[in-house]
Each structure stands twice: as structure tokens, then as C-alpha cells.
Amino acid sequence: MSVADSVGISSVSVPDFTNPESRSVFVAPKIVLSKRMLGNEDLLGTVIQDALGVVLDGRLRNLETQLTRKVENAE
């Protein structure tokens, strides 16, 4: 059994970039990790939460600034 098989990595199809008419499609490796291997951590939830935090942080700060200005102008 290979290392790839032991962690559940499926096969990968790599496109032929030298041929512009190639219909090859890149398929990302599918990695299946058991909860035992992850120590029962929800890594996907953590990654998504971190990504949303990075993306939304600036926008939320701008929105807060705009709301503060509108309140000040309304008073």
C-alpha cells in the first residue's frame, strides 16, 4: 500500500498544456482524512472561518465607519 492510498488520495488527471486543443481537465487530488488522523478537529470549519475573517474584516470596518459618519451627520 502506498502512502497516497493510506491517506485516501485519489488519482490526479493532469492536463496537456502544450496542446491548446487538449480537452484534458485538471482534477485536484481528493484527500480524505479520518477524524482519528485529525484529532477530531474541524479543520474545514476553521479554514472557512479564517478565510471569511480575512475577506470580511476590511469590508466590515468600512461599513462601521460609514455608519458612524451617517449617525454623526444625522445628529
PDB file of N, CA and C in Angstrom:
ATOM      1  N   MET A   1       0.851  -1.176   0.000  1.00  0.00           N
ATOM      2  CA  MET A   1       0.000   0.000   0.000  1.00  0.00           C
ATOM      3  C   MET A   1       0.897   1.240   0.000  1.00  0.00           C
ATOM      4  N   SER A   2       0.585   2.169  -0.892  1.00  0.00           N
ATOM      5  CA  SER A   2       1.387   3.381  -0.974  1.00  0.00           C
ATOM      6  C   SER A   2       0.931   4.390   0.072  1.00  0.00           C
ATOM      7  N   VAL A   3       1.739   5.424   0.254  1.00  0.00           N
ATOM      8  CA  VAL A   3       1.391   6.479   1.205  1.00  0.00           C
ATOM      9  C   VAL A   3       0.122   7.186   0.740  1.00  0.00           C
ATOM     10  N   ALA A   4       0.001   7.423  -0.572  1.00  0.00           N
ATOM     11  CA  ALA A   4      -1.187   8.088  -1.110  1.00  0.00           C
ATOM     12  C   ALA A   4      -2.444   7.286  -0.804  1.00  0.00           C
ATOM     13  N   ASP A   5      -2.363   5.965  -0.941  1.00  0.00           N
ATOM     14  CA  ASP A   5      -3.518   5.119  -0.646  1.00  0.00           C
ATOM     15  C   ASP A   5      -3.864   5.157   0.833  1.00  0.00           C
ATOM     16  N   SER A   6      -2.858   5.225   1.686  1.00  0.00           N
ATOM     17  CA  SER A   6      -3.110   5.169   3.123  1.00  0.00           C
ATOM     18  C   SER A   6      -3.822   6.412   3.651  1.00  0.00           C
ATOM     19  N   VAL A   7      -3.646   7.579   2.991  1.00  0.00           N
ATOM     20  CA  VAL A   7      -4.340   8.788   3.428  1.00  0.00           C
ATOM     21  C   VAL A   7      -5.547   9.103   2.557  1.00  0.00           C
ATOM     22  N   GLY A   8      -5.821   8.277   1.570  1.00  0.00           N
ATOM     23  CA  GLY A   8      -7.023   8.438   0.766  1.00  0.00           C
ATOM     24  C   GLY A   8      -6.907   9.429  -0.366  1.00  0.00           C
ATOM     25  N   ILE A   9      -5.737   9.584  -0.969  1.00  0.00           N
ATOM     26  CA  ILE A   9      -5.582  10.488  -2.100  1.00  0.00           C
ATOM     27  C   ILE A   9      -5.947   9.730  -3.366  1.00  0.00           C
ATOM     28  N   SER A  10      -6.902  10.281  -4.127  1.00  0.00           N
ATOM     29  CA  SER A  10      -7.296   9.636  -5.368  1.00  0.00           C
ATOM     30  C   SER A  10      -6.353  10.057  -6.484  1.00  0.00           C
ATOM     31  N   SER A  11      -6.524   9.455  -7.634  1.00  0.00           N
ATOM     32  CA  SER A  11      -5.645   9.751  -8.759  1.00  0.00           C
ATOM     33  C   SER A  11      -5.889  11.163  -9.272  1.00  0.00           C
ATOM     34  N   VAL A  12      -4.893  11.716  -9.958  1.00  0.00           N
ATOM     35  CA  VAL A  12      -4.957  13.075 -10.467  1.00  0.00           C
ATOM     36  C   VAL A  12      -4.775  13.038 -11.971  1.00  0.00           C
ATOM     37  N   SER A  13      -5.627  13.752 -12.695  1.00  0.00           N
ATOM     38  CA  SER A  13      -5.510  13.871 -14.137  1.00  0.00           C
ATOM     39  C   SER A  13      -4.870  15.216 -14.436  1.00  0.00           C
ATOM     40  N   VAL A  14      -3.734  15.207 -15.107  1.00  0.00           N
ATOM     41  CA  VAL A  14      -3.003  16.441 -15.384  1.00  0.00           C
ATOM     42  C   VAL A  14      -3.217  16.831 -16.841  1.00  0.00           C
ATOM     43  N   PRO A  15      -3.607  18.076 -17.117  1.00  0.00           N
ATOM     44  CA  PRO A  15      -3.848  18.491 -18.495  1.00  0.00           C
ATOM     45  C   PRO A  15      -2.564  18.612 -19.288  1.00  0.00           C
ATOM     46  N   ASP A  16      -2.695  18.509 -20.616  1.00  0.00           N
ATOM     47  CA  ASP A  16      -1.559  18.671 -21.518  1.00  0.00           C
ATOM     48  C   ASP A  16      -1.519  20.139 -21.926  1.00  0.00           C
ATOM     49  N   PHE A  17      -0.706  20.951 -21.254  1.00  0.00           N
ATOM     50  CA  PHE A  17      -0.663  22.383 -21.521  1.00  0.00           C
ATOM     51  C   PHE A  17       0.034  22.713 -22.836  1.00  0.00           C
ATOM     52  N   THR A  18       0.765  21.765 -23.412  1.00  0.00           N
ATOM     53  CA  THR A  18       1.457  22.019 -24.672  1.00  0.00           C
ATOM     54  C   THR A  18       0.509  21.941 -25.855  1.00  0.00           C
ATOM     55  N   ASN A  19      -0.635  21.315 -25.707  1.00  0.00           N
ATOM     56  CA  ASN A  19      -1.603  21.171 -26.786  1.00  0.00           C
ATOM     57  C   ASN A  19      -2.816  22.044 -26.481  1.00  0.00           C
ATOM     58  N   PRO A  20      -2.999  23.173 -27.233  1.00  0.00           N
ATOM     59  CA  PRO A  20      -4.111  24.069 -26.927  1.00  0.00           C
ATOM     60  C   PRO A  20      -5.478  23.436 -27.162  1.00  0.00           C
ATOM     61  N   GLU A  21      -5.532  22.383 -27.971  1.00  0.00           N
ATOM     62  CA  GLU A  21      -6.810  21.745 -28.259  1.00  0.00           C
ATOM     63  C   GLU A  21      -7.074  20.570 -27.335  1.00  0.00           C
ATOM     64  N   SER A  22      -6.218  20.402 -26.363  1.00  0.00           N
ATOM     65  CA  SER A  22      -6.383  19.296 -25.429  1.00  0.00           C
ATOM     66  C   SER A  22      -7.639  19.507 -24.607  1.00  0.00           C
ATOM     67  N   ARG A  23      -8.384  18.453 -24.418  1.00  0.00           N
ATOM     68  CA  ARG A  23      -9.605  18.537 -23.619  1.00  0.00           C
ATOM     69  C   ARG A  23      -9.381  17.959 -22.231  1.00  0.00           C
ATOM     70  N   SER A  24      -8.119  17.851 -21.842  1.00  0.00           N
ATOM     71  CA  SER A  24      -7.823  17.324 -20.511  1.00  0.00           C
ATOM     72  C   SER A  24      -8.337  18.293 -19.459  1.00  0.00           C
ATOM     73  N   VAL A  25      -8.818  17.770 -18.415  1.00  0.00           N
ATOM     74  CA  VAL A  25      -9.334  18.586 -17.322  1.00  0.00           C
ATOM     75  C   VAL A  25      -8.552  18.233 -16.073  1.00  0.00           C
ATOM     76  N   PHE A  26      -8.102  19.262 -15.374  1.00  0.00           N
ATOM     77  CA  PHE A  26      -7.351  19.026 -14.148  1.00  0.00           C
ATOM     78  C   PHE A  26      -8.317  18.672 -13.037  1.00  0.00           C
ATOM     79  N   VAL A  27      -8.041  17.588 -12.389  1.00  0.00           N
ATOM     80  CA  VAL A  27      -8.851  17.162 -11.253  1.00  0.00           C
ATOM     81  C   VAL A  27      -7.961  17.207 -10.028  1.00  0.00           C
ATOM     82  N   ALA A  28      -8.301  18.085  -9.101  1.00  0.00           N
ATOM     83  CA  ALA A  28      -7.490  18.222  -7.885  1.00  0.00           C
ATOM     84  C   ALA A  28      -7.527  16.930  -7.090  1.00  0.00           C
ATOM     85  N   PRO A  29      -6.458  16.631  -6.397  1.00  0.00           N
ATOM     86  CA  PRO A  29      -6.460  15.410  -5.587  1.00  0.00           C
ATOM     87  C   PRO A  29      -7.493  15.505  -4.475  1.00  0.00           C
ATOM     88  N   LYS A  30      -8.196  14.431  -4.304  1.00  0.00           N
ATOM     89  CA  LYS A  30      -9.212  14.383  -3.253  1.00  0.00           C
ATOM     90  C   LYS A  30      -8.584  13.714  -2.047  1.00  0.00           C
ATOM     91  N   ILE A  31      -8.442  14.457  -0.988  1.00  0.00           N
ATOM     92  CA  ILE A  31      -7.800  13.926   0.208  1.00  0.00           C
ATOM     93  C   ILE A  31      -8.877  13.668   1.256  1.00  0.00           C
ATOM     94  N   VAL A  32      -8.934  12.437   1.682  1.00  0.00           N
ATOM     95  CA  VAL A  32      -9.911  12.060   2.689  1.00  0.00           C
ATOM     96  C   VAL A  32      -9.153  11.709   3.958  1.00  0.00           C
ATOM     97  N   LEU A  33      -9.372  12.485   4.991  1.00  0.00           N
ATOM     98  CA  LEU A  33      -8.700  12.247   6.259  1.00  0.00           C
ATOM     99  C   LEU A  33      -9.740  11.847   7.295  1.00  0.00           C
ATOM    100  N   SER A  34      -9.431  10.845   8.033  1.00  0.00           N
ATOM    101  CA  SER A  34     -10.370  10.411   9.063  1.00  0.00           C
ATOM    102  C   SER A  34     -10.275  11.342  10.267  1.00  0.00           C
ATOM    103  N   LYS A  35     -11.321  11.356  11.090  1.00  0.00           N
ATOM    104  CA  LYS A  35     -11.290  12.190  12.290  1.00  0.00           C
ATOM    105  C   LYS A  35     -10.195  11.729  13.239  1.00  0.00           C
ATOM    106  N   ARG A  36      -9.862  10.450  13.183  1.00  0.00           N
ATOM    107  CA  ARG A  36      -8.790   9.932  14.036  1.00  0.00           C
ATOM    108  C   ARG A  36      -7.472  10.598  13.653  1.00  0.00           C
ATOM    109  N   MET A  37      -7.240  10.787  12.339  1.00  0.00           N
ATOM    110  CA  MET A  37      -5.999  11.411  11.872  1.00  0.00           C
ATOM    111  C   MET A  37      -5.967  12.891  12.223  1.00  0.00           C
ATOM    112  N   LEU A  38      -7.137  13.528  12.259  1.00  0.00           N
ATOM    113  CA  LEU A  38      -7.202  14.962  12.527  1.00  0.00           C
ATOM    114  C   LEU A  38      -7.301  15.284  14.007  1.00  0.00           C
ATOM    115  N   GLY A  39      -7.408  14.276  14.827  1.00  0.00           N
ATOM    116  CA  GLY A  39      -7.583  14.527  16.253  1.00  0.00           C
ATOM    117  C   GLY A  39      -8.940  15.128  16.548  1.00  0.00           C
ATOM    118  N   ASN A  40      -9.937  14.729  15.758  1.00  0.00           N
ATOM    119  CA  ASN A  40     -11.320  15.198  15.915  1.00  0.00           C
ATOM    120  C   ASN A  40     -11.457  16.714  15.796  1.00  0.00           C
ATOM    121  N   GLU A  41     -10.600  17.350  15.021  1.00  0.00           N
ATOM    122  CA  GLU A  41     -10.694  18.793  14.807  1.00  0.00           C
ATOM    123  C   GLU A  41     -11.482  19.065  13.537  1.00  0.00           C
ATOM    124  N   ASP A  42     -12.204  20.148  13.527  1.00  0.00           N
ATOM    125  CA  ASP A  42     -12.954  20.560  12.348  1.00  0.00           C
ATOM    126  C   ASP A  42     -12.086  21.539  11.570  1.00  0.00           C
ATOM    127  N   LEU A  43     -11.141  21.012  10.797  1.00  0.00           N
ATOM    128  CA  LEU A  43     -10.206  21.877  10.079  1.00  0.00           C
ATOM    129  C   LEU A  43     -10.894  22.691   9.002  1.00  0.00           C
ATOM    130  N   LEU A  44     -11.857  22.094   8.295  1.00  0.00           N
ATOM    131  CA  LEU A  44     -12.534  22.830   7.236  1.00  0.00           C
ATOM    132  C   LEU A  44     -13.281  24.025   7.809  1.00  0.00           C
ATOM    133  N   GLY A  45     -13.953  23.830   8.925  1.00  0.00           N
ATOM    134  CA  GLY A  45     -14.660  24.939   9.563  1.00  0.00           C
ATOM    135  C   GLY A  45     -13.713  26.040   9.982  1.00  0.00           C
ATOM    136  N   THR A  46     -12.560  25.670  10.489  1.00  0.00           N
ATOM    137  CA  THR A  46     -11.560  26.653  10.910  1.00  0.00           C
ATOM    138  C   THR A  46     -11.014  27.408   9.706  1.00  0.00           C
ATOM    139  N   VAL A  47     -10.734  26.701   8.627  1.00  0.00           N
ATOM    140  CA  VAL A  47     -10.207  27.336   7.413  1.00  0.00           C
ATOM    141  C   VAL A  47     -11.234  28.303   6.840  1.00  0.00           C
ATOM    142  N   ILE A  48     -12.483  27.871   6.774  1.00  0.00           N
ATOM    143  CA  ILE A  48     -13.534  28.738   6.238  1.00  0.00           C
ATOM    144  C   ILE A  48     -13.719  29.963   7.125  1.00  0.00           C
ATOM    145  N   GLN A  49     -13.711  29.768   8.420  1.00  0.00           N
ATOM    146  CA  GLN A  49     -13.866  30.885   9.352  1.00  0.00           C
ATOM    147  C   GLN A  49     -12.718  31.879   9.188  1.00  0.00           C
ATOM    148  N   ASP A  50     -11.494  31.390   9.062  1.00  0.00           N
ATOM    149  CA  ASP A  50     -10.341  32.271   8.876  1.00  0.00           C
ATOM    150  C   ASP A  50     -10.437  33.026   7.553  1.00  0.00           C
ATOM    151  N   ALA A  51     -10.831  32.331   6.491  1.00  0.00           N
ATOM    152  CA  ALA A  51     -10.946  32.968   5.176  1.00  0.00           C
ATOM    153  C   ALA A  51     -12.013  34.058   5.195  1.00  0.00           C
ATOM    154  N   LEU A  52     -13.148  33.768   5.798  1.00  0.00           N
ATOM    155  CA  LEU A  52     -14.199  34.778   5.897  1.00  0.00           C
ATOM    156  C   LEU A  52     -13.742  35.966   6.731  1.00  0.00           C
ATOM    157  N   GLY A  53     -13.006  35.705   7.786  1.00  0.00           N
ATOM    158  CA  GLY A  53     -12.483  36.783   8.615  1.00  0.00           C
ATOM    159  C   GLY A  53     -11.571  37.705   7.834  1.00  0.00           C
ATOM    160  N   VAL A  54     -10.710  37.128   7.013  1.00  0.00           N
ATOM    161  CA  VAL A  54      -9.781  37.923   6.207  1.00  0.00           C
ATOM    162  C   VAL A  54     -10.541  38.729   5.162  1.00  0.00           C
ATOM    163  N   VAL A  55     -11.482  38.081   4.480  1.00  0.00           N
ATOM    164  CA  VAL A  55     -12.220  38.741   3.401  1.00  0.00           C
ATOM    165  C   VAL A  55     -13.154  39.824   3.941  1.00  0.00           C
ATOM    166  N   LEU A  56     -13.835  39.533   5.025  1.00  0.00           N
ATOM    167  CA  LEU A  56     -14.860  40.451   5.517  1.00  0.00           C
ATOM    168  C   LEU A  56     -14.346  41.523   6.465  1.00  0.00           C
ATOM    169  N   ASP A  57     -13.163  41.368   7.015  1.00  0.00           N
ATOM    170  CA  ASP A  57     -12.656  42.311   8.013  1.00  0.00           C
ATOM    171  C   ASP A  57     -12.628  43.737   7.490  1.00  0.00           C
ATOM    172  N   GLY A  58     -12.010  43.942   6.346  1.00  0.00           N
ATOM    173  CA  GLY A  58     -11.916  45.286   5.778  1.00  0.00           C
ATOM    174  C   GLY A  58     -13.273  45.864   5.436  1.00  0.00           C
ATOM    175  N   ARG A  59     -14.140  45.023   4.876  1.00  0.00           N
ATOM    176  CA  ARG A  59     -15.473  45.491   4.495  1.00  0.00           C
ATOM    177  C   ARG A  59     -16.296  45.877   5.715  1.00  0.00           C
ATOM    178  N   LEU A  60     -16.188  45.087   6.769  1.00  0.00           N
ATOM    179  CA  LEU A  60     -16.933  45.408   7.987  1.00  0.00           C
ATOM    180  C   LEU A  60     -16.408  46.681   8.637  1.00  0.00           C
ATOM    181  N   ARG A  61     -15.104  46.890   8.587  1.00  0.00           N
ATOM    182  CA  ARG A  61     -14.534  48.133   9.136  1.00  0.00           C
ATOM    183  C   ARG A  61     -15.029  49.348   8.346  1.00  0.00           C
ATOM    184  N   ASN A  62     -15.066  49.219   7.007  1.00  0.00           N
ATOM    185  CA  ASN A  62     -15.569  50.316   6.170  1.00  0.00           C
ATOM    186  C   ASN A  62     -17.036  50.593   6.456  1.00  0.00           C
ATOM    187  N   LEU A  63     -17.822  49.542   6.609  1.00  0.00           N
ATOM    188  CA  LEU A  63     -19.242  49.702   6.909  1.00  0.00           C
ATOM    189  C   LEU A  63     -19.440  50.389   8.257  1.00  0.00           C
ATOM    190  N   GLU A  64     -18.649  49.997   9.234  1.00  0.00           N
ATOM    191  CA  GLU A  64     -18.737  50.615  10.559  1.00  0.00           C
ATOM    192  C   GLU A  64     -18.411  52.108  10.478  1.00  0.00           C
ATOM    193  N   THR A  65     -17.392  52.450   9.699  1.00  0.00           N
ATOM    194  CA  THR A  65     -17.008  53.852   9.525  1.00  0.00           C
ATOM    195  C   THR A  65     -18.126  54.638   8.853  1.00  0.00           C
ATOM    196  N   GLN A  66     -18.726  54.063   7.815  1.00  0.00           N
ATOM    197  CA  GLN A  66     -19.825  54.736   7.113  1.00  0.00           C
ATOM    198  C   GLN A  66     -21.021  54.959   8.034  1.00  0.00           C
ATOM    199  N   LEU A  67     -21.352  53.941   8.822  1.00  0.00           N
ATOM    200  CA  LEU A  67     -22.483  54.078   9.744  1.00  0.00           C
ATOM    201  C   LEU A  67     -22.215  55.139  10.804  1.00  0.00           C
ATOM    202  N   THR A  68     -20.989  55.188  11.294  1.00  0.00           N
ATOM    203  CA  THR A  68     -20.623  56.194  12.293  1.00  0.00           C
ATOM    204  C   THR A  68     -20.779  57.591  11.707  1.00  0.00           C
ATOM    205  N   ARG A  69     -20.329  57.789  10.469  1.00  0.00           N
ATOM    206  CA  ARG A  69     -20.454  59.100   9.813  1.00  0.00           C
ATOM    207  C   ARG A  69     -21.918  59.479   9.613  1.00  0.00           C
ATOM    208  N   LYS A  70     -22.748  58.521   9.209  1.00  0.00           N
ATOM    209  CA  LYS A  70     -24.167  58.816   8.994  1.00  0.00           C
ATOM    210  C   LYS A  70     -24.851  59.201  10.298  1.00  0.00           C
ATOM    211  N   VAL A  71     -24.501  58.525  11.374  1.00  0.00           N
ATOM    212  CA  VAL A  71     -25.078  58.858  12.681  1.00  0.00           C
ATOM    213  C   VAL A  71     -24.645  60.250  13.101  1.00  0.00           C
ATOM    214  N   GLU A  72     -23.364  60.575  12.901  1.00  0.00           N
ATOM    215  CA  GLU A  72     -22.863  61.905  13.266  1.00  0.00           C
ATOM    216  C   GLU A  72     -23.540  62.989  12.439  1.00  0.00           C
ATOM    217  N   ASN A  73     -23.754  62.729  11.144  1.00  0.00           N
ATOM    218  CA  ASN A  73     -24.409  63.717  10.275  1.00  0.00           C
ATOM    219  C   ASN A  73     -25.886  63.871  10.613  1.00  0.00           C
ATOM    220  N   ALA A  74     -26.516  62.805  11.080  1.00  0.00           N
ATOM    221  CA  ALA A  74     -27.942  62.854  11.416  1.00  0.00           C
ATOM    222  C   ALA A  74     -28.185  63.609  12.714  1.00  0.00           C
ATOM    223  N   GLU A  75     -27.206  63.636  13.588  1.00  0.00           N
ATOM    224  CA  GLU A  75     -27.369  64.319  14.888  1.00  0.00           C
ATOM    225  C   GLU A  75     -27.193  65.764  14.733  1.00  0.00           C
TER     226      GLU A  75
END
